[in-house]
Amino acid sequence: MSAQNGLVQRLWSYCNILRDDGLSYGDYLEQLTYLLFLKMADEQTKPPFSRPSIVPEGLDWPSLLDRDGDELEVHYRHVLTELGKGSGMLGVIFRKAQNRIQDPAKLRRLVVDLIDRENWLTLDADVKGDAYEGLLEKNAEDVKTGAGQYFTPRPLIRAIVEVVRPEPGTTICDPACGTGGFLLAAHEWLSQNPLLDRDQKRHLRFDALRGWEIVDATARLCVMNLLLHGIGSEEADSPIAVDDALKADPGDRFDMVLTNPPFGKKSSMTFVNEEGGVAREDLVVVRDDFWTSTSNKQLNFVQHVKTLLRIGGRAAVVVPDNVLFEGGAGETVRRKLLHECDVHTLLRLPTGVFYAQGVKANVLFFERKPASETPWTRELWVYDLRTNQHFTLKQNPLRHEHLQEFIASYSPQDRAARQECERFKRFSYDELLQRDKVSLDLVWLRDESLEDMDNLPPPEVIAQEIV
């Protein structure tokens, strides 16, 4: 155990050394990802694996060990450039890769002292995976980089997976996967099942999980995060596609979609106009499988998730408040969703839990159903974890115990056994239809902070709640 702790400590200490040279956590993570992949690919060629190398000779791990000083730095840049031209897992990891470590001596120490000393393939997945996840979280906290937008709070992800309960053989997709939090939590839930047979374990490792991520740098962190947790392998196809998930229907259908799409409201393109000024133009997504065409990114993701689900497939989607009440395209999407799917649960999230400040968000749970003249949604159960709740990222972060009452109220084993309580309320389909614009922004608890001006929350909490 102490050796494992030592590895985590060394990962952190090297990070601090490189941060003195101006590297961000994100830069360090990227360099660590490139070097870890090369080392793990090299380990695959040795006993007991003895597989052919997937990295061309001369661009592999031994080629880095053989060099020192400026020669090492020049060769490392060459390796990154050449491997970035590859396909599959190599392409995703090394696409547009650049060396950020300008000091050859520090690069040599990273290669020889930190990474070459460990046998990463035989190391417990929990150890190396948790260390990497820790670095991802630190990177998310680094406000300057904006990396927090790719990082959903892990206690929330675990609670969502706990209530949707994926089963062996399930295919799970995240069309905006960031650094892979939902896919990892689903994998962890499934891998804890003691009854998995050999075929189910192989399916879980290679075929169960799929993701899309539009940003190259984030996709490579996600792929390495999955690899270190024992998902996929260096020589297999990448489970993550680097692409804009919204641009087309991929044709694939999944049993489950778990996702937290980007919070930016509009899809837009920046261009230089005839007068030489910079202008922005909203991009309206037009797809035959969508109910309505709009430039609102979140409404498009909700429609996209419906498309990705097979009949009977289940989804949990993090959506901002505007998806619940916006008119026009928003109303169309809500009416269609309530009719064609069983929209059974809504979790109103507190503010102060996301790295993007002031975000008011919810989790929408629904199940895709076959075509029907009558609506599939009979009732929507809403759990309010927002009213009179105050969380912050540092002083009072959201923890798993804060979600225990929601998990119990959700009643994953038998939703028919649900009971109303102070924070959990049932709304019939008819009640929803009678609301202005079929708004799902449902509130019934009295907000004490509005009534008691003498008992205001701390200024930083108020600042986070101002949108």
Protein backbone atom coordinates (compact mmCIF):
# COMPACT_ATOMS: atom_id res chain seq x y z
CA MET A 1 0.00 0.00 0.00
CA SER A 2 2.86 2.41 0.85
CA ALA A 3 4.37 1.82 -2.61
CA GLN A 4 1.05 2.78 -4.17
CA ASN A 5 0.85 5.92 -2.06
CA GLY A 6 4.43 6.65 -3.09
CA LEU A 7 3.43 6.57 -6.76
CA VAL A 8 0.63 9.07 -6.19
CA GLN A 9 3.02 11.28 -4.23
CA ARG A 10 5.62 11.17 -7.03
CA LEU A 11 3.01 12.09 -9.67
CA TRP A 12 2.11 15.15 -7.61
CA SER A 13 5.68 16.18 -6.79
CA TYR A 14 6.71 16.07 -10.47
CA CYS A 15 3.67 18.16 -11.27
CA ASN A 16 4.80 20.79 -8.77
CA ILE A 17 8.34 20.82 -10.21
CA LEU A 18 6.99 21.46 -13.70
CA ARG A 19 4.49 24.06 -12.48
CA ASP A 20 7.53 26.07 -11.32
CA ASP A 21 8.43 26.25 -15.02
CA GLY A 22 5.02 27.70 -15.85
CA LEU A 23 3.21 24.49 -16.83
CA SER A 24 -0.46 24.29 -15.90
CA TYR A 25 -2.04 21.11 -14.52
CA GLY A 26 -3.50 20.62 -18.00
CA ASP A 27 -0.07 20.84 -19.66
CA TYR A 28 1.36 18.34 -17.17
CA LEU A 29 -1.56 15.98 -17.69
CA GLU A 30 -1.07 16.07 -21.45
CA GLN A 31 2.67 15.28 -21.27
CA LEU A 32 1.99 12.56 -18.71
CA THR A 33 -0.63 11.08 -21.06
CA TYR A 34 1.75 10.92 -24.06
CA LEU A 35 4.57 9.33 -22.06
CA LEU A 36 2.32 6.90 -20.16
CA PHE A 37 0.80 5.66 -23.40
CA LEU A 38 4.24 5.01 -24.94
CA LYS A 39 5.44 3.21 -21.81
CA MET A 40 2.30 1.04 -21.57
CA ALA A 41 2.51 0.20 -25.28
CA ASP A 42 6.14 -0.88 -24.72
CA GLU A 43 5.11 -3.08 -21.77
CA GLN A 44 2.66 -4.86 -24.10
CA THR A 45 5.62 -6.11 -26.19
CA LYS A 46 7.27 -7.83 -23.19
CA PRO A 47 6.31 -11.03 -21.32
CA PRO A 48 3.74 -12.11 -20.28
CA PHE A 49 1.94 -10.16 -23.06
CA SER A 50 4.57 -10.43 -25.86
CA ARG A 51 2.39 -8.66 -28.42
CA PRO A 52 3.60 -6.87 -31.57
CA SER A 53 4.25 -3.19 -30.95
CA ILE A 54 1.51 -0.80 -32.04
CA VAL A 55 4.02 2.07 -32.02
CA PRO A 56 6.44 2.18 -35.00
CA GLU A 57 10.08 1.41 -34.18
CA GLY A 58 12.08 4.58 -33.70
CA LEU A 59 9.04 6.40 -32.27
CA ASP A 60 8.62 4.06 -29.28
CA TRP A 61 9.52 4.19 -25.61
CA PRO A 62 13.07 2.72 -26.01
CA SER A 63 13.84 5.51 -28.51
CA LEU A 64 13.19 8.06 -25.73
CA LEU A 65 15.26 6.14 -23.16
CA ASP A 66 18.23 6.07 -25.57
CA ARG A 67 18.46 9.86 -25.78
CA ASP A 68 19.41 12.70 -23.47
CA GLY A 69 19.69 16.50 -23.45
CA ASP A 70 18.63 18.52 -26.50
CA GLU A 71 18.59 15.35 -28.62
CA LEU A 72 15.84 13.92 -26.38
CA GLU A 73 13.74 17.08 -26.62
CA VAL A 74 14.04 17.24 -30.43
CA HIS A 75 13.24 13.53 -30.79
CA TYR A 76 10.27 13.79 -28.41
CA ARG A 77 8.77 16.56 -30.55
CA HIS A 78 9.32 14.38 -33.64
CA VAL A 79 7.59 11.42 -31.93
CA LEU A 80 4.55 13.53 -31.05
CA THR A 81 4.25 14.93 -34.58
CA GLU A 82 4.57 11.55 -36.31
CA LEU A 83 2.23 9.64 -33.99
CA GLY A 84 -0.36 12.40 -34.37
CA LYS A 85 -0.76 11.31 -37.99
CA GLY A 86 -1.96 7.85 -36.92
CA SER A 87 -5.49 6.47 -36.56
CA GLY A 88 -7.41 4.64 -33.84
CA MET A 89 -6.21 4.99 -30.27
CA LEU A 90 -2.84 6.42 -31.38
CA GLY A 91 -4.58 9.16 -33.35
CA VAL A 92 -6.86 10.17 -30.47
CA ILE A 93 -4.00 10.31 -27.95
CA PHE A 94 -1.44 12.14 -30.14
CA ARG A 95 -3.53 14.29 -32.49
CA LYS A 96 -2.14 17.86 -32.51
CA ALA A 97 0.22 16.89 -29.66
CA GLN A 98 2.95 19.37 -28.66
CA ASN A 99 5.81 19.26 -26.19
CA ARG A 100 5.35 21.76 -23.35
CA ILE A 101 8.44 20.73 -21.33
CA GLN A 102 11.17 23.07 -22.52
CA ASP A 103 13.89 21.89 -20.10
CA PRO A 104 15.43 18.63 -21.48
CA ALA A 105 16.75 17.69 -18.02
CA LYS A 106 13.23 17.75 -16.56
CA LEU A 107 11.88 15.79 -19.53
CA ARG A 108 14.59 13.17 -18.94
CA ARG A 109 13.68 12.93 -15.26
CA LEU A 110 10.02 12.49 -16.14
CA VAL A 111 10.85 9.70 -18.61
CA VAL A 112 13.49 7.82 -16.58
CA ASP A 113 12.69 8.51 -12.92
CA LEU A 114 8.89 8.71 -12.83
CA ILE A 115 7.44 6.68 -15.68
CA ASP A 116 10.08 4.07 -16.58
CA ARG A 117 10.44 2.91 -12.97
CA GLU A 118 6.86 1.58 -12.83
CA ASN A 119 5.26 -1.38 -14.54
CA TRP A 120 1.99 0.38 -15.34
CA LEU A 121 0.08 -2.54 -16.86
CA THR A 122 0.40 -4.68 -13.74
CA LEU A 123 -0.32 -1.80 -11.36
CA ASP A 124 -3.77 -1.89 -9.74
CA ALA A 125 -6.22 0.07 -11.92
CA ASP A 126 -7.64 1.78 -8.82
CA VAL A 127 -4.23 3.18 -7.92
CA LYS A 128 -3.13 4.58 -11.27
CA GLY A 129 -6.68 5.53 -12.25
CA ASP A 130 -7.38 7.38 -8.99
CA ALA A 131 -4.07 9.25 -9.24
CA TYR A 132 -4.95 10.41 -12.75
CA GLU A 133 -8.50 11.36 -11.68
CA GLY A 134 -6.97 13.43 -8.88
CA LEU A 135 -4.90 15.36 -11.41
CA LEU A 136 -8.02 15.88 -13.57
CA GLU A 137 -9.87 17.34 -10.59
CA LYS A 138 -6.96 19.68 -9.79
CA ASN A 139 -7.00 20.74 -13.43
CA ALA A 140 -10.74 21.46 -13.18
CA GLU A 141 -10.11 23.65 -10.11
CA ASP A 142 -7.53 25.66 -12.07
CA VAL A 143 -9.97 28.46 -12.93
CA LYS A 144 -7.70 30.13 -15.50
CA THR A 145 -7.79 27.14 -17.87
CA GLY A 146 -11.58 26.80 -18.02
CA ALA A 147 -11.11 23.02 -17.68
CA GLY A 148 -13.92 22.84 -15.11
CA GLN A 149 -16.51 22.82 -17.88
CA TYR A 150 -15.37 19.27 -18.74
CA PHE A 151 -15.64 18.03 -15.16
CA THR A 152 -18.96 17.01 -13.60
CA PRO A 153 -18.89 16.62 -9.77
CA ARG A 154 -18.13 12.96 -9.08
CA PRO A 155 -20.63 12.56 -6.18
CA LEU A 156 -23.42 13.65 -8.54
CA ILE A 157 -22.28 11.23 -11.25
CA ARG A 158 -22.14 8.35 -8.76
CA ALA A 159 -25.65 9.13 -7.49
CA ILE A 160 -27.03 9.20 -11.05
CA VAL A 161 -25.43 5.83 -11.85
CA GLU A 162 -26.72 4.44 -8.55
CA VAL A 163 -30.34 5.22 -9.47
CA VAL A 164 -30.23 4.17 -13.15
CA ARG A 165 -28.41 0.92 -12.26
CA PRO A 166 -26.88 -0.29 -15.55
CA GLU A 167 -26.97 -4.08 -15.94
CA PRO A 168 -24.42 -6.51 -17.46
CA GLY A 169 -24.48 -6.37 -21.26
CA THR A 170 -25.76 -2.75 -21.28
CA THR A 171 -24.36 -0.35 -23.87
CA ILE A 172 -23.76 3.11 -22.42
CA CYS A 173 -23.06 6.33 -24.28
CA ASP A 174 -22.02 9.87 -23.35
CA PRO A 175 -22.20 12.20 -26.37
CA ALA A 176 -20.38 15.00 -24.46
CA CYS A 177 -18.04 12.87 -22.39
CA GLY A 178 -15.44 15.40 -21.21
CA THR A 179 -12.83 13.49 -19.21
CA GLY A 180 -15.04 10.39 -18.93
CA GLY A 181 -16.71 10.71 -15.52
CA PHE A 182 -20.05 9.11 -16.44
CA LEU A 183 -18.44 6.27 -18.41
CA LEU A 184 -16.04 5.50 -15.54
CA ALA A 185 -18.79 5.52 -12.91
CA ALA A 186 -20.93 3.17 -15.02
CA HIS A 187 -17.91 0.88 -15.50
CA GLU A 188 -17.21 0.89 -11.75
CA TRP A 189 -20.85 0.04 -10.97
CA LEU A 190 -20.90 -2.85 -13.45
CA SER A 191 -17.47 -4.23 -12.54
CA GLN A 192 -18.56 -4.60 -8.89
CA ASN A 193 -21.10 -7.23 -9.95
CA PRO A 194 -19.70 -10.56 -8.64
CA LEU A 195 -21.74 -12.60 -11.14
CA LEU A 196 -20.15 -11.25 -14.35
CA ASP A 197 -19.05 -14.09 -16.61
CA ARG A 198 -16.04 -13.96 -18.95
CA ASP A 199 -18.00 -12.71 -21.98
CA GLN A 200 -19.70 -9.99 -19.92
CA LYS A 201 -16.33 -8.83 -18.58
CA ARG A 202 -14.93 -8.63 -22.10
CA HIS A 203 -18.02 -6.74 -23.28
CA LEU A 204 -17.63 -4.30 -20.38
CA ARG A 205 -13.99 -3.65 -21.22
CA PHE A 206 -14.24 -3.29 -25.00
CA ASP A 207 -17.84 -2.79 -26.17
CA ALA A 208 -20.05 -1.37 -23.40
CA LEU A 209 -18.87 2.24 -23.37
CA ARG A 210 -18.89 4.88 -26.14
CA GLY A 211 -18.32 8.60 -26.08
CA TRP A 212 -17.99 11.71 -28.21
CA GLU A 213 -15.82 14.70 -27.33
CA ILE A 214 -15.32 17.70 -29.60
CA VAL A 215 -12.07 19.04 -28.03
CA ASP A 216 -8.87 17.12 -28.92
CA ALA A 217 -7.06 17.82 -25.65
CA THR A 218 -10.05 16.72 -23.54
CA ALA A 219 -10.60 13.57 -25.63
CA ARG A 220 -7.01 12.41 -25.07
CA LEU A 221 -7.38 12.91 -21.30
CA CYS A 222 -10.60 10.90 -21.42
CA VAL A 223 -9.06 8.01 -23.38
CA MET A 224 -6.08 7.82 -21.02
CA ASN A 225 -8.41 8.02 -18.00
CA LEU A 226 -10.35 5.02 -19.36
CA LEU A 227 -7.15 3.09 -20.20
CA LEU A 228 -5.72 3.58 -16.72
CA HIS A 229 -8.98 2.28 -15.25
CA GLY A 230 -8.74 -0.89 -17.36
CA ILE A 231 -11.19 0.10 -20.13
CA GLY A 232 -10.15 -0.72 -23.70
CA SER A 233 -6.51 -1.35 -24.59
CA GLU A 234 -3.67 0.35 -26.43
CA GLU A 235 -4.15 -1.70 -29.60
CA ALA A 236 -7.98 -1.53 -29.67
CA ASP A 237 -10.07 1.10 -31.42
CA SER A 238 -10.72 4.21 -29.34
CA PRO A 239 -14.05 4.14 -27.47
CA ILE A 240 -14.08 7.95 -27.80
CA ALA A 241 -14.75 9.68 -31.12
CA VAL A 242 -13.26 13.16 -31.51
CA ASP A 243 -16.12 14.91 -33.26
CA ASP A 244 -19.10 17.23 -32.89
CA ALA A 245 -21.80 14.89 -31.62
CA LEU A 246 -24.59 17.17 -32.82
CA LYS A 247 -23.63 17.34 -36.49
CA ALA A 248 -25.38 14.10 -37.49
CA ASP A 249 -27.17 10.98 -36.29
CA PRO A 250 -24.33 8.42 -35.89
CA GLY A 251 -26.76 5.56 -36.59
CA ASP A 252 -25.79 3.70 -33.41
CA ARG A 253 -28.38 3.15 -30.67
CA PHE A 254 -27.67 2.57 -26.98
CA ASP A 255 -29.38 1.09 -23.91
CA MET A 256 -28.38 4.06 -21.78
CA VAL A 257 -27.22 7.65 -22.29
CA LEU A 258 -25.66 9.52 -19.34
CA THR A 259 -24.39 13.00 -20.11
CA ASN A 260 -23.72 16.56 -18.98
CA PRO A 261 -23.63 18.56 -22.23
CA PRO A 262 -21.73 21.88 -22.42
CA PHE A 263 -23.46 24.80 -20.71
CA GLY A 264 -22.98 27.34 -23.56
CA LYS A 265 -26.49 28.29 -24.65
CA LYS A 266 -26.00 29.03 -28.36
CA SER A 267 -24.05 27.25 -31.09
CA SER A 268 -22.33 30.00 -33.06
CA MET A 269 -19.54 30.72 -35.53
CA THR A 270 -17.21 33.71 -35.46
CA PHE A 271 -16.17 35.27 -38.78
CA VAL A 272 -14.76 38.51 -40.24
CA ASN A 273 -17.41 40.58 -42.03
CA GLU A 274 -17.01 42.78 -45.12
CA GLU A 275 -16.11 45.82 -42.99
CA GLY A 276 -13.25 43.91 -41.40
CA GLY A 277 -15.02 43.57 -38.04
CA VAL A 278 -15.57 40.36 -36.10
CA ALA A 279 -19.15 39.08 -36.10
CA ARG A 280 -20.91 36.03 -34.66
CA GLU A 281 -23.65 34.06 -36.33
CA ASP A 282 -25.91 31.55 -34.58
CA LEU A 283 -25.65 28.06 -36.04
CA VAL A 284 -29.05 26.42 -36.28
CA VAL A 285 -28.77 22.63 -36.21
CA VAL A 286 -31.08 21.10 -38.83
CA ARG A 287 -31.57 17.33 -38.60
CA ASP A 288 -34.38 15.13 -39.88
CA ASP A 289 -34.45 13.20 -36.59
CA PHE A 290 -34.98 16.38 -34.50
CA TRP A 291 -38.40 17.69 -33.51
CA THR A 292 -37.37 21.30 -34.10
CA SER A 293 -34.44 23.30 -35.49
CA THR A 294 -32.74 25.68 -33.06
CA SER A 295 -29.35 27.19 -32.21
CA ASN A 296 -29.88 26.36 -28.51
CA LYS A 297 -27.20 23.76 -27.84
CA GLN A 298 -28.88 22.18 -24.81
CA LEU A 299 -32.22 21.70 -26.57
CA ASN A 300 -30.30 20.06 -29.43
CA PHE A 301 -28.52 17.73 -27.01
CA VAL A 302 -31.84 16.66 -25.46
CA GLN A 303 -33.13 15.82 -28.95
CA HIS A 304 -29.86 14.07 -29.82
CA VAL A 305 -30.05 11.93 -26.66
CA LYS A 306 -33.56 10.81 -27.63
CA THR A 307 -32.20 9.77 -31.04
CA LEU A 308 -29.31 7.81 -29.49
CA LEU A 309 -31.60 5.69 -27.31
CA ARG A 310 -32.99 2.41 -28.53
CA ILE A 311 -36.69 1.79 -27.78
CA GLY A 312 -36.77 1.09 -24.05
CA GLY A 313 -33.43 2.86 -23.58
CA ARG A 314 -32.96 5.13 -20.56
CA ALA A 315 -31.31 8.52 -20.18
CA ALA A 316 -30.10 10.90 -17.47
CA VAL A 317 -29.19 14.33 -18.85
CA VAL A 318 -27.90 17.39 -16.98
CA VAL A 319 -29.74 20.44 -18.34
CA PRO A 320 -29.74 24.14 -17.34
CA ASP A 321 -32.97 25.79 -16.19
CA ASN A 322 -33.67 27.37 -19.59
CA VAL A 323 -34.40 23.92 -21.06
CA LEU A 324 -37.26 23.63 -18.54
CA PHE A 325 -39.04 26.92 -19.25
CA GLU A 326 -37.88 28.49 -22.53
CA GLY A 327 -40.64 29.11 -25.09
CA GLY A 328 -40.63 28.48 -28.84
CA ALA A 329 -38.32 25.55 -29.63
CA GLY A 330 -38.08 24.79 -25.89
CA GLU A 331 -41.83 24.27 -25.58
CA THR A 332 -41.86 22.08 -28.71
CA VAL A 333 -39.08 19.86 -27.32
CA ARG A 334 -40.80 19.49 -23.93
CA ARG A 335 -44.19 18.60 -25.47
CA LYS A 336 -42.61 16.02 -27.78
CA LEU A 337 -40.41 14.58 -25.04
CA LEU A 338 -43.36 14.14 -22.65
CA HIS A 339 -45.38 12.48 -25.43
CA GLU A 340 -42.76 10.15 -26.97
CA CYS A 341 -40.83 9.28 -23.81
CA ASP A 342 -41.66 8.50 -20.20
CA VAL A 343 -40.17 11.57 -18.50
CA HIS A 344 -40.44 10.27 -14.95
CA THR A 345 -37.96 12.17 -12.73
CA LEU A 346 -36.38 15.59 -12.42
CA LEU A 347 -33.63 16.42 -9.91
CA ARG A 348 -33.26 20.17 -9.26
CA LEU A 349 -29.57 20.68 -8.47
CA PRO A 350 -28.24 23.25 -6.00
CA THR A 351 -26.02 26.09 -7.15
CA GLY A 352 -22.31 26.08 -6.28
CA VAL A 353 -21.62 22.48 -7.33
CA PHE A 354 -20.21 23.12 -10.82
CA TYR A 355 -16.92 24.80 -11.68
CA ALA A 356 -18.83 27.11 -14.06
CA GLN A 357 -20.05 29.70 -11.56
CA GLY A 358 -23.73 30.52 -11.02
CA VAL A 359 -25.04 27.61 -13.08
CA LYS A 360 -28.59 26.52 -12.28
CA ALA A 361 -28.97 22.98 -13.51
CA ASN A 362 -31.14 19.88 -13.24
CA VAL A 363 -30.98 16.20 -14.11
CA LEU A 364 -33.75 14.95 -16.38
CA PHE A 365 -34.44 11.17 -16.33
CA PHE A 366 -36.48 9.62 -19.14
CA GLU A 367 -37.07 6.41 -21.11
CA ARG A 368 -37.63 6.22 -24.85
CA LYS A 369 -40.84 4.46 -25.86
CA PRO A 370 -42.41 3.12 -29.11
CA ALA A 371 -44.65 5.37 -31.22
CA SER A 372 -48.04 5.97 -29.58
CA GLU A 373 -51.09 8.18 -30.04
CA THR A 374 -51.33 8.71 -26.30
CA PRO A 375 -48.50 10.32 -24.31
CA TRP A 376 -46.09 8.03 -22.49
CA THR A 377 -45.45 10.37 -19.55
CA ARG A 378 -48.09 9.78 -16.86
CA GLU A 379 -46.42 11.63 -14.02
CA LEU A 380 -43.21 13.54 -13.33
CA TRP A 381 -41.62 13.27 -9.91
CA VAL A 382 -39.47 16.28 -8.95
CA TYR A 383 -36.83 16.24 -6.21
CA ASP A 384 -35.80 19.74 -5.09
CA LEU A 385 -32.21 19.72 -3.85
CA ARG A 386 -31.86 23.47 -4.57
CA THR A 387 -34.22 25.45 -2.35
CA ASN A 388 -32.60 26.41 0.98
CA GLN A 389 -29.45 24.46 0.09
CA HIS A 390 -26.08 26.20 -0.15
CA PHE A 391 -22.98 24.49 -1.50
CA THR A 392 -19.60 25.86 -2.52
CA LEU A 393 -16.70 24.17 -4.28
CA LYS A 394 -14.26 24.58 -1.40
CA GLN A 395 -15.90 25.27 2.00
CA ASN A 396 -19.04 23.14 1.58
CA PRO A 397 -18.72 20.87 -1.47
CA LEU A 398 -21.47 18.49 -2.56
CA ARG A 399 -20.77 15.04 -1.12
CA HIS A 400 -22.37 11.65 -1.66
CA GLU A 401 -24.29 11.79 1.63
CA HIS A 402 -26.11 14.93 0.44
CA LEU A 403 -27.69 12.82 -2.31
CA GLN A 404 -28.73 9.85 -0.13
CA GLU A 405 -32.30 11.09 0.41
CA PHE A 406 -32.72 11.62 -3.35
CA ILE A 407 -31.45 8.09 -4.08
CA ALA A 408 -33.87 6.62 -1.52
CA SER A 409 -36.79 8.74 -2.81
CA TYR A 410 -36.05 7.73 -6.42
CA SER A 411 -36.69 4.11 -5.35
CA PRO A 412 -34.55 2.48 -8.08
CA GLN A 413 -35.79 -1.04 -7.33
CA ASP A 414 -39.46 -0.13 -7.74
CA ARG A 415 -40.46 3.33 -8.94
CA ALA A 416 -44.14 2.46 -8.37
CA ALA A 417 -43.42 2.44 -4.62
CA ARG A 418 -42.44 6.13 -4.53
CA GLN A 419 -43.81 8.34 -1.77
CA GLU A 420 -44.02 12.11 -1.65
CA CYS A 421 -42.00 13.96 1.00
CA GLU A 422 -41.03 17.57 1.66
CA ARG A 423 -38.53 17.70 -1.21
CA PHE A 424 -40.09 15.07 -3.51
CA LYS A 425 -43.37 15.86 -5.25
CA ARG A 426 -45.46 14.24 -7.99
CA PHE A 427 -47.00 16.15 -10.92
CA SER A 428 -49.48 14.52 -13.29
CA TYR A 429 -49.21 14.86 -17.08
CA ASP A 430 -52.38 16.98 -17.12
CA GLU A 431 -50.93 19.35 -14.51
CA LEU A 432 -47.79 19.79 -16.64
CA LEU A 433 -49.80 20.51 -19.81
CA GLN A 434 -51.79 23.23 -18.06
CA ARG A 435 -48.64 25.16 -17.17
CA ASP A 436 -47.55 28.13 -19.31
CA LYS A 437 -45.38 26.81 -22.19
CA VAL A 438 -45.51 23.37 -20.48
CA SER A 439 -42.83 24.68 -18.12
CA LEU A 440 -41.09 22.02 -16.04
CA ASP A 441 -39.53 24.65 -13.76
CA LEU A 442 -41.50 23.36 -10.78
CA VAL A 443 -41.05 24.96 -7.34
CA TRP A 444 -43.18 24.50 -4.22
CA LEU A 445 -40.81 24.98 -1.26
CA ARG A 446 -40.59 28.44 0.34
CA ASP A 447 -37.17 29.99 -0.17
CA GLU A 448 -36.11 31.07 3.32
CA SER A 449 -33.33 33.32 2.02
CA LEU A 450 -35.93 35.50 0.28
CA GLU A 451 -38.06 35.78 3.42
CA ASP A 452 -35.36 36.38 5.99
CA MET A 453 -33.17 39.29 4.89
CA ASP A 454 -31.38 39.21 8.25
CA ASN A 455 -30.14 35.71 7.55
CA LEU A 456 -28.49 36.12 4.17
CA PRO A 457 -26.03 33.46 2.98
CA PRO A 458 -22.32 34.41 2.68
CA PRO A 459 -21.47 36.87 -0.15
CA GLU A 460 -19.70 34.19 -2.22
CA VAL A 461 -22.86 32.05 -2.18
CA ILE A 462 -24.98 34.99 -3.31
CA ALA A 463 -22.44 35.75 -6.05
CA GLN A 464 -22.67 32.16 -7.33
CA GLU A 465 -26.45 32.31 -7.47
CA ILE A 466 -26.51 35.45 -9.62
CA VAL A 467 -26.82 34.32 -13.22
